[in-house]
Amino acid sequence: MKKENRVLLLFPIYFLILCASLLYTQNINEGVELIVRSISLLFFPIIFLFVKEDAATVKRLFDFLLAGLLISFGINISIGGYQIYETVKEQLVLNNDFEETISSLLYALKLGGTYLLESDFSALVNPNYISLYILLVLSYYLKNKLTTKTQSIILFILFTYLFLLASRAAYLILFIMCLMLAINIKDKGKRYLIVMMMILGSIIFLGNARILNNSKKNSVQTVSRSTSIENTRLLTWHAAWQLMEESPFIGYGVGDAQQKLIDKYKDLNYLKNYQNRYNAHNQFLQTYLQTGIIGFGVLVAIFIYLSIRMQRSRNEFVVFLVLTISIFFESMLVRFNGIVFLSIIIPLLLKERSILGSRIIRNQ
C-alpha cells in the first residue's frame, strides 16, 4: 500500500464513526439500516488501495457507465411515452368539432408531458443522482474532440437526458463546466462562440417548465413568529443549524438525526418540510447531525484532500466541483445510490493515479 493512497482509509474511519454513534442513538433499527447501506464505505476504499488502474480499465469503467445511462434513458423514454399515450387516450375527446378535438388533444399532451420531467421521468432513481452520473461521464468524454457522428448523437442524448431530469444543481454544475471550458480556449473567436452557446443553452435549460414550476412552489413559506424564508432548502438548513447548536459535539446518532430534524420542522412550523420529512439536503450538515464534530471533520478532510489532488488537471477540478456542489445540495450518504457512487468514485480520484488525469494514467 503506497503512502500517498492512505488517505482512502478516511472512508473506513468515517464508517466506524457512524457505527460508534449507535452507542448513543435511541432508534437503533433505523441506525442499523443506514449502517448496512453504508457498508460500501468500508470495503470499496480498502479494495481500491490494492487495485492498479490503467487507461484501458478506466475507459471500460466509463463505457459501462455510459451504456447504463443510455439504457436507463431508453427505459424512461419508453415508460414516459406509454404514460403519455394512456393519458391522451383517457383525456382525448373525439367529435365533429375540429377545434374542440384539437383543444382536448393539446390538453391531454400537456398533462402527459409531465411524465417526461424530473421525478416523473425517473421514478426508480432520484433524478439528482442520474444527473450526477451524466455530468461525470461528460467530464470524462469531453476531454477529447468529437470525431464521429455516433459520439455527437450520444452527446445530444446525454444533454437531453440532463434537461428532462430538471436538476437545478446539475444545471449549475453544467454552467460552471462550460465556463471553465470557455476560459481555457485561447482562440478569441471560438471563445466568443462558446460563450454565446452558453447563454443560449442557459436560456433553454432554465426555460424548463418544471424548473419554473418549482420556483413558484418554493417561493415563500410563512412560519410562526413571522419568520419566512424563500426556499424550503433554506428552511431545512436553518432547522439543521439550530439542532447543531443544541448538540455540537456528538450529534444525535445515526438513528436519531433524521427524526430530530423532522421534529424540529414541526417545532418551527415548517409544514412543507415536516410533511415531506426532508433530510438536511446537505451532506456536511447531515453528517454533523449524525456524528457531531468528529464525523464532520473526517468528511471535510476527505474533500480537502480531494481538492488538493484535483489540482493536477482542469478536468479533474471540474469533477471536484461536480462532487462538492452535489453534496452541498444533497445528503448523498443517506441514500444507497449516493453511498455507492461516492464510495467508488472519490477513492478512485483520491488515488495517486487518478481515473481522470490523462497525464497520470498510463497502461501498465
Protein backbone atom coordinates (compact mmCIF):
# COMPACT_ATOMS: atom_id res chain seq x y z
CA MET A 1 0.00 0.00 0.00
CA LYS A 2 1.50 3.31 -1.10
CA LYS A 3 1.77 6.09 1.46
CA GLU A 4 0.08 8.52 -0.94
CA ASN A 5 -3.03 6.30 -1.04
CA ARG A 6 -3.53 6.02 2.73
CA VAL A 7 -5.97 8.91 2.56
CA LEU A 8 -8.51 6.30 1.39
CA LEU A 9 -8.58 4.99 4.96
CA LEU A 10 -10.59 8.08 5.91
CA PHE A 11 -13.64 6.33 4.46
CA PRO A 12 -13.42 3.29 6.79
CA ILE A 13 -12.80 5.72 9.67
CA TYR A 14 -15.95 7.62 8.70
CA PHE A 15 -17.88 4.33 8.63
CA LEU A 16 -16.59 3.37 12.10
CA ILE A 17 -17.64 6.76 13.47
CA LEU A 18 -21.15 6.11 12.14
CA CYS A 19 -21.12 2.75 13.90
CA ALA A 20 -19.91 4.34 17.16
CA SER A 21 -22.85 6.77 17.09
CA LEU A 22 -25.16 3.79 17.61
CA LEU A 23 -23.98 3.82 21.23
CA TYR A 24 -25.97 6.98 21.99
CA THR A 25 -28.82 6.75 19.50
CA GLN A 26 -32.27 5.60 20.58
CA ASN A 27 -33.67 4.47 17.23
CA ILE A 28 -31.32 1.52 16.82
CA ASN A 29 -33.24 -0.10 13.95
CA GLU A 30 -33.07 2.96 11.70
CA GLY A 31 -29.41 3.44 12.59
CA VAL A 32 -28.54 -0.15 11.73
CA GLU A 33 -30.36 0.17 8.38
CA LEU A 34 -28.19 3.15 7.44
CA ILE A 35 -25.06 1.35 8.63
CA VAL A 36 -25.90 -1.61 6.40
CA ARG A 37 -26.49 0.70 3.42
CA SER A 38 -23.15 2.39 4.14
CA ILE A 39 -21.01 -0.75 4.29
CA SER A 40 -19.52 0.02 0.86
CA LEU A 41 -17.77 2.98 2.54
CA LEU A 42 -15.80 0.40 4.50
CA PHE A 43 -14.93 -2.15 1.82
CA PHE A 44 -14.57 -0.33 -1.52
CA PRO A 45 -11.83 2.13 -0.43
CA ILE A 46 -9.84 -0.71 1.15
CA ILE A 47 -10.14 -2.78 -2.05
CA PHE A 48 -9.01 0.19 -4.15
CA LEU A 49 -5.89 0.53 -2.04
CA PHE A 50 -4.57 -2.57 -3.79
CA VAL A 51 -6.05 -2.04 -7.27
CA LYS A 52 -3.88 -0.71 -10.10
CA GLU A 53 -5.91 1.26 -12.57
CA ASP A 54 -4.69 2.00 -16.08
CA ALA A 55 -6.14 3.91 -19.02
CA ALA A 56 -7.85 0.85 -20.52
CA THR A 57 -9.51 -0.06 -17.23
CA VAL A 58 -10.75 3.48 -16.70
CA LYS A 59 -12.14 3.62 -20.24
CA ARG A 60 -14.06 0.39 -19.62
CA LEU A 61 -15.46 1.87 -16.40
CA PHE A 62 -16.78 4.96 -18.17
CA ASP A 63 -18.02 2.97 -21.16
CA PHE A 64 -20.01 0.87 -18.68
CA LEU A 65 -21.43 4.00 -17.03
CA LEU A 66 -22.31 5.44 -20.44
CA ALA A 67 -24.06 2.23 -21.51
CA GLY A 68 -26.06 2.23 -18.28
CA LEU A 69 -27.13 5.83 -18.82
CA LEU A 70 -28.23 5.17 -22.41
CA ILE A 71 -30.21 2.11 -21.32
CA SER A 72 -31.88 4.00 -18.48
CA PHE A 73 -32.72 6.85 -20.87
CA GLY A 74 -34.34 4.39 -23.27
CA ILE A 75 -36.35 2.77 -20.46
CA ASN A 76 -37.53 6.11 -19.05
CA ILE A 77 -38.45 7.43 -22.50
CA SER A 78 -40.42 4.26 -23.22
CA ILE A 79 -42.28 4.40 -19.90
CA GLY A 80 -42.93 8.13 -20.31
CA GLY A 81 -44.19 7.62 -23.87
CA TYR A 82 -46.56 4.88 -22.75
CA GLN A 83 -47.90 7.06 -19.94
CA ILE A 84 -48.44 9.92 -22.39
CA TYR A 85 -50.33 7.51 -24.67
CA GLU A 86 -52.55 6.38 -21.78
CA THR A 87 -53.22 10.00 -20.77
CA VAL A 88 -54.12 11.04 -24.32
CA LYS A 89 -56.38 8.01 -24.70
CA GLU A 90 -58.17 8.89 -21.46
CA GLN A 91 -58.47 12.65 -21.99
CA LEU A 92 -58.96 12.94 -25.75
CA VAL A 93 -62.47 13.88 -26.85
CA LEU A 94 -63.28 12.98 -30.47
CA ASN A 95 -66.28 14.60 -32.13
CA ASN A 96 -67.26 16.59 -35.20
CA ASP A 97 -65.96 19.83 -33.70
CA PHE A 98 -62.40 20.01 -35.01
CA GLU A 99 -61.34 22.84 -32.70
CA GLU A 100 -62.62 21.04 -29.60
CA THR A 101 -60.84 17.86 -30.65
CA ILE A 102 -57.55 19.70 -31.15
CA SER A 103 -58.03 21.52 -27.83
CA SER A 104 -58.59 18.26 -25.94
CA LEU A 105 -55.57 16.72 -27.66
CA LEU A 106 -53.30 19.60 -26.64
CA TYR A 107 -54.63 19.45 -23.08
CA ALA A 108 -54.00 15.70 -22.94
CA LEU A 109 -50.47 16.15 -24.28
CA LYS A 110 -49.83 18.84 -21.67
CA LEU A 111 -50.93 16.50 -18.88
CA GLY A 112 -48.97 13.60 -20.30
CA GLY A 113 -45.88 15.72 -20.83
CA THR A 114 -45.28 15.84 -17.06
CA TYR A 115 -44.21 12.19 -17.30
CA LEU A 116 -41.14 13.34 -19.20
CA LEU A 117 -39.81 15.64 -16.49
CA GLU A 118 -37.88 15.25 -13.23
CA SER A 119 -39.02 12.55 -10.77
CA ASP A 120 -41.96 11.57 -13.01
CA PHE A 121 -39.44 10.84 -15.75
CA SER A 122 -37.08 8.96 -13.42
CA ALA A 123 -39.26 7.25 -10.82
CA LEU A 124 -36.83 4.45 -9.89
CA VAL A 125 -33.71 6.54 -9.23
CA ASN A 126 -33.53 10.10 -7.87
CA PRO A 127 -33.01 12.50 -10.83
CA ASN A 128 -30.20 14.30 -8.99
CA TYR A 129 -28.12 11.12 -8.84
CA ILE A 130 -28.63 10.26 -12.50
CA SER A 131 -27.69 13.85 -13.35
CA LEU A 132 -24.50 13.39 -11.35
CA TYR A 133 -23.59 10.28 -13.35
CA ILE A 134 -24.26 12.16 -16.60
CA LEU A 135 -22.04 15.07 -15.59
CA LEU A 136 -19.24 12.72 -14.55
CA VAL A 137 -19.41 10.86 -17.87
CA LEU A 138 -19.48 14.17 -19.78
CA SER A 139 -16.42 15.42 -17.89
CA TYR A 140 -14.54 12.29 -18.99
CA TYR A 141 -15.58 12.09 -22.65
CA LEU A 142 -15.41 15.83 -23.37
CA LYS A 143 -11.65 15.73 -22.73
CA ASN A 144 -11.29 14.78 -26.38
CA LYS A 145 -12.79 16.22 -29.56
CA LEU A 146 -15.87 14.62 -31.09
CA THR A 147 -14.74 12.74 -34.19
CA THR A 148 -17.77 10.68 -35.22
CA LYS A 149 -21.50 11.17 -35.70
CA THR A 150 -22.16 8.47 -33.11
CA GLN A 151 -20.29 10.48 -30.47
CA SER A 152 -22.29 13.59 -31.36
CA ILE A 153 -25.58 11.68 -31.11
CA ILE A 154 -24.60 10.24 -27.73
CA LEU A 155 -23.65 13.71 -26.50
CA PHE A 156 -27.04 15.04 -27.67
CA ILE A 157 -28.84 12.22 -25.83
CA LEU A 158 -26.95 12.94 -22.60
CA PHE A 159 -27.76 16.65 -22.73
CA THR A 160 -31.41 15.83 -23.49
CA TYR A 161 -31.48 13.42 -20.56
CA LEU A 162 -30.00 16.10 -18.30
CA PHE A 163 -32.59 18.61 -19.48
CA LEU A 164 -35.52 16.28 -18.80
CA LEU A 165 -34.26 15.36 -15.33
CA ALA A 166 -34.54 19.07 -14.43
CA SER A 167 -31.99 19.08 -11.60
CA ARG A 168 -31.17 22.68 -10.71
CA ALA A 169 -27.91 21.67 -9.03
CA ALA A 170 -26.91 19.81 -12.21
CA TYR A 171 -27.72 22.87 -14.32
CA LEU A 172 -25.46 24.98 -12.10
CA ILE A 173 -22.63 22.45 -12.35
CA LEU A 174 -23.02 22.23 -16.13
CA PHE A 175 -22.80 26.01 -16.42
CA ILE A 176 -19.57 26.03 -14.37
CA MET A 177 -18.13 23.24 -16.54
CA CYS A 178 -18.89 25.21 -19.71
CA LEU A 179 -17.49 28.41 -18.19
CA MET A 180 -14.19 26.69 -17.38
CA LEU A 181 -14.09 25.27 -20.89
CA ALA A 182 -14.57 28.74 -22.37
CA ILE A 183 -11.87 30.26 -20.15
CA ASN A 184 -9.30 27.71 -21.34
CA ILE A 185 -9.95 28.36 -25.04
CA LYS A 186 -7.17 30.59 -26.38
CA ASP A 187 -8.78 31.42 -29.73
CA LYS A 188 -10.97 34.52 -29.16
CA GLY A 189 -13.36 33.58 -31.97
CA LYS A 190 -14.01 30.11 -30.56
CA ARG A 191 -14.27 31.53 -27.04
CA TYR A 192 -16.92 34.03 -28.22
CA LEU A 193 -18.84 31.20 -29.90
CA ILE A 194 -18.74 29.06 -26.74
CA VAL A 195 -19.97 31.99 -24.59
CA MET A 196 -22.88 32.62 -26.96
CA MET A 197 -23.75 28.92 -26.88
CA MET A 198 -23.60 29.01 -23.07
CA ILE A 199 -26.04 31.92 -22.97
CA LEU A 200 -28.39 30.20 -25.40
CA GLY A 201 -28.10 26.91 -23.52
CA SER A 202 -28.78 28.61 -20.19
CA ILE A 203 -31.95 30.16 -21.59
CA ILE A 204 -33.11 26.78 -22.89
CA PHE A 205 -32.30 24.86 -19.70
CA LEU A 206 -33.70 27.46 -17.33
CA GLY A 207 -36.81 27.64 -19.50
CA ASN A 208 -37.61 24.08 -18.47
CA ALA A 209 -41.23 24.16 -17.30
CA ARG A 210 -40.52 22.04 -14.22
CA ILE A 211 -37.79 24.41 -13.06
CA LEU A 212 -40.15 27.37 -13.34
CA ASN A 213 -42.92 25.50 -11.54
CA ASN A 214 -40.58 24.52 -8.71
CA SER A 215 -39.57 28.14 -8.27
CA LYS A 216 -43.19 29.17 -7.90
CA LYS A 217 -43.98 26.38 -5.46
CA ASN A 218 -40.98 27.16 -3.26
CA SER A 219 -41.25 30.94 -3.44
CA VAL A 220 -42.31 31.84 0.11
CA GLN A 221 -43.38 29.90 3.18
CA THR A 222 -44.83 31.72 6.19
CA VAL A 223 -43.89 30.27 9.53
CA SER A 224 -44.53 31.06 13.20
CA ARG A 225 -43.12 34.22 14.77
CA SER A 226 -43.39 35.91 11.37
CA THR A 227 -40.31 34.09 10.11
CA SER A 228 -40.21 33.47 6.36
CA ILE A 229 -37.50 32.07 4.07
CA GLU A 230 -37.88 31.86 0.31
CA ASN A 231 -36.83 28.28 -0.24
CA THR A 232 -37.64 25.02 1.54
CA ARG A 233 -33.99 24.02 1.35
CA LEU A 234 -33.03 27.15 3.28
CA LEU A 235 -35.66 26.23 5.85
CA THR A 236 -34.07 22.80 6.08
CA TRP A 237 -30.60 24.24 6.63
CA HIS A 238 -31.96 26.66 9.23
CA ALA A 239 -33.55 23.82 11.21
CA ALA A 240 -30.39 21.70 10.93
CA TRP A 241 -28.23 24.57 12.14
CA GLN A 242 -30.40 25.02 15.23
CA LEU A 243 -30.06 21.32 16.04
CA MET A 244 -26.29 21.53 15.61
CA GLU A 245 -26.15 24.35 18.13
CA GLU A 246 -28.10 22.22 20.61
CA SER A 247 -25.71 19.24 20.31
CA PRO A 248 -22.44 20.49 18.79
CA PHE A 249 -20.03 17.73 19.86
CA ILE A 250 -21.55 14.27 19.32
CA GLY A 251 -24.68 14.99 17.30
CA TYR A 252 -27.74 12.79 17.76
CA GLY A 253 -26.56 9.43 16.48
CA VAL A 254 -27.07 7.80 13.12
CA GLY A 255 -30.51 6.52 14.13
CA ASP A 256 -32.00 9.69 15.64
CA ALA A 257 -30.64 12.51 13.47
CA GLN A 258 -33.38 12.35 10.84
CA GLN A 259 -36.23 12.16 13.35
CA LYS A 260 -34.75 15.04 15.35
CA LEU A 261 -34.71 17.13 12.17
CA ILE A 262 -38.34 16.26 11.39
CA ASP A 263 -39.37 17.16 14.95
CA LYS A 264 -37.55 20.49 14.59
CA TYR A 265 -39.54 21.23 11.41
CA LYS A 266 -42.70 20.73 13.44
CA ASP A 267 -41.46 22.96 16.27
CA LEU A 268 -40.59 25.72 13.81
CA ASN A 269 -43.84 25.22 11.88
CA TYR A 270 -42.02 24.44 8.64
CA LEU A 271 -45.03 22.49 7.42
CA LYS A 272 -43.91 21.51 3.92
CA ASN A 273 -40.56 20.24 5.24
CA TYR A 274 -42.32 18.35 8.03
CA GLN A 275 -44.90 16.75 5.75
CA ASN A 276 -42.26 15.64 3.25
CA ARG A 277 -39.84 14.50 6.00
CA TYR A 278 -36.91 16.18 4.27
CA ASN A 279 -33.37 15.25 5.26
CA ALA A 280 -30.77 18.01 5.67
CA HIS A 281 -30.21 18.30 1.87
CA ASN A 282 -26.55 18.92 2.63
CA GLN A 283 -24.24 16.04 3.50
CA PHE A 284 -22.00 18.14 5.72
CA LEU A 285 -24.99 19.18 7.85
CA GLN A 286 -26.41 15.64 7.79
CA THR A 287 -23.11 14.20 8.99
CA TYR A 288 -22.84 16.79 11.77
CA LEU A 289 -26.34 15.88 12.98
CA GLN A 290 -25.43 12.19 12.95
CA THR A 291 -21.94 12.17 14.45
CA GLY A 292 -21.12 15.67 15.63
CA ILE A 293 -17.84 17.43 15.04
CA ILE A 294 -15.71 14.25 14.68
CA GLY A 295 -17.56 12.74 11.71
CA PHE A 296 -17.96 16.21 10.21
CA GLY A 297 -14.20 16.75 10.47
CA VAL A 298 -13.42 13.46 8.72
CA LEU A 299 -15.81 14.28 5.86
CA VAL A 300 -14.31 17.74 5.45
CA ALA A 301 -10.80 16.22 5.48
CA ILE A 302 -11.79 13.88 2.62
CA PHE A 303 -12.84 16.82 0.47
CA ILE A 304 -9.80 18.90 1.42
CA TYR A 305 -7.54 16.07 0.23
CA LEU A 306 -9.71 15.73 -2.88
CA SER A 307 -9.36 19.45 -3.66
CA ILE A 308 -5.56 19.13 -3.38
CA ARG A 309 -5.41 16.08 -5.65
CA MET A 310 -7.79 17.59 -8.20
CA GLN A 311 -5.43 20.48 -8.93
CA ARG A 312 -3.48 18.15 -11.22
CA SER A 313 -5.66 18.98 -14.22
CA ARG A 314 -8.59 21.15 -15.27
CA ASN A 315 -10.73 18.12 -16.00
CA GLU A 316 -10.20 16.73 -12.51
CA PHE A 317 -11.02 20.08 -10.94
CA VAL A 318 -14.33 20.13 -12.82
CA VAL A 319 -15.17 16.74 -11.32
CA PHE A 320 -14.26 18.08 -7.87
CA LEU A 321 -16.77 20.89 -8.40
CA VAL A 322 -19.40 18.37 -9.53
CA LEU A 323 -18.99 16.31 -6.36
CA THR A 324 -18.72 19.27 -3.97
CA ILE A 325 -21.77 21.08 -5.28
CA SER A 326 -23.71 17.82 -5.30
CA ILE A 327 -23.14 17.00 -1.64
CA PHE A 328 -23.73 20.65 -0.74
CA PHE A 329 -27.29 20.35 -2.06
CA GLU A 330 -27.97 16.67 -1.29
CA SER A 331 -27.45 14.31 1.66
CA MET A 332 -25.91 11.70 -0.62
CA LEU A 333 -24.68 9.41 2.15
CA VAL A 334 -28.17 8.52 3.35
CA ARG A 335 -29.33 7.01 0.04
CA PHE A 336 -27.93 3.76 -1.33
CA ASN A 337 -27.29 5.21 -4.81
CA GLY A 338 -25.36 8.14 -3.40
CA ILE A 339 -23.37 5.99 -0.97
CA VAL A 340 -22.23 3.54 -3.65
CA PHE A 341 -21.40 6.35 -6.07
CA LEU A 342 -19.22 8.27 -3.61
CA SER A 343 -17.57 5.16 -2.15
CA ILE A 344 -16.36 4.19 -5.64
CA ILE A 345 -15.67 7.47 -7.46
CA ILE A 346 -14.00 9.53 -4.72
CA PRO A 347 -11.49 6.80 -3.71
CA LEU A 348 -10.53 6.33 -7.36
CA LEU A 349 -10.00 10.09 -7.67
CA LEU A 350 -8.01 10.27 -4.44
CA LYS A 351 -5.51 7.65 -5.52
CA GLU A 352 -2.04 8.69 -6.63
CA ARG A 353 -3.08 7.69 -10.15
CA SER A 354 -6.42 9.39 -10.71
CA ILE A 355 -9.06 7.95 -13.05
CA LEU A 356 -9.28 11.26 -14.93
CA GLY A 357 -5.76 12.60 -15.19
CA SER A 358 -4.68 11.82 -18.74
CA ARG A 359 -1.06 12.70 -17.92
CA ILE A 360 -1.11 10.45 -14.88
CA ILE A 361 -2.88 7.36 -16.17
CA ARG A 362 -0.77 5.03 -18.25
CA ASN A 363 -1.21 1.45 -19.36
CA GLN A 364 0.89 -0.80 -17.16
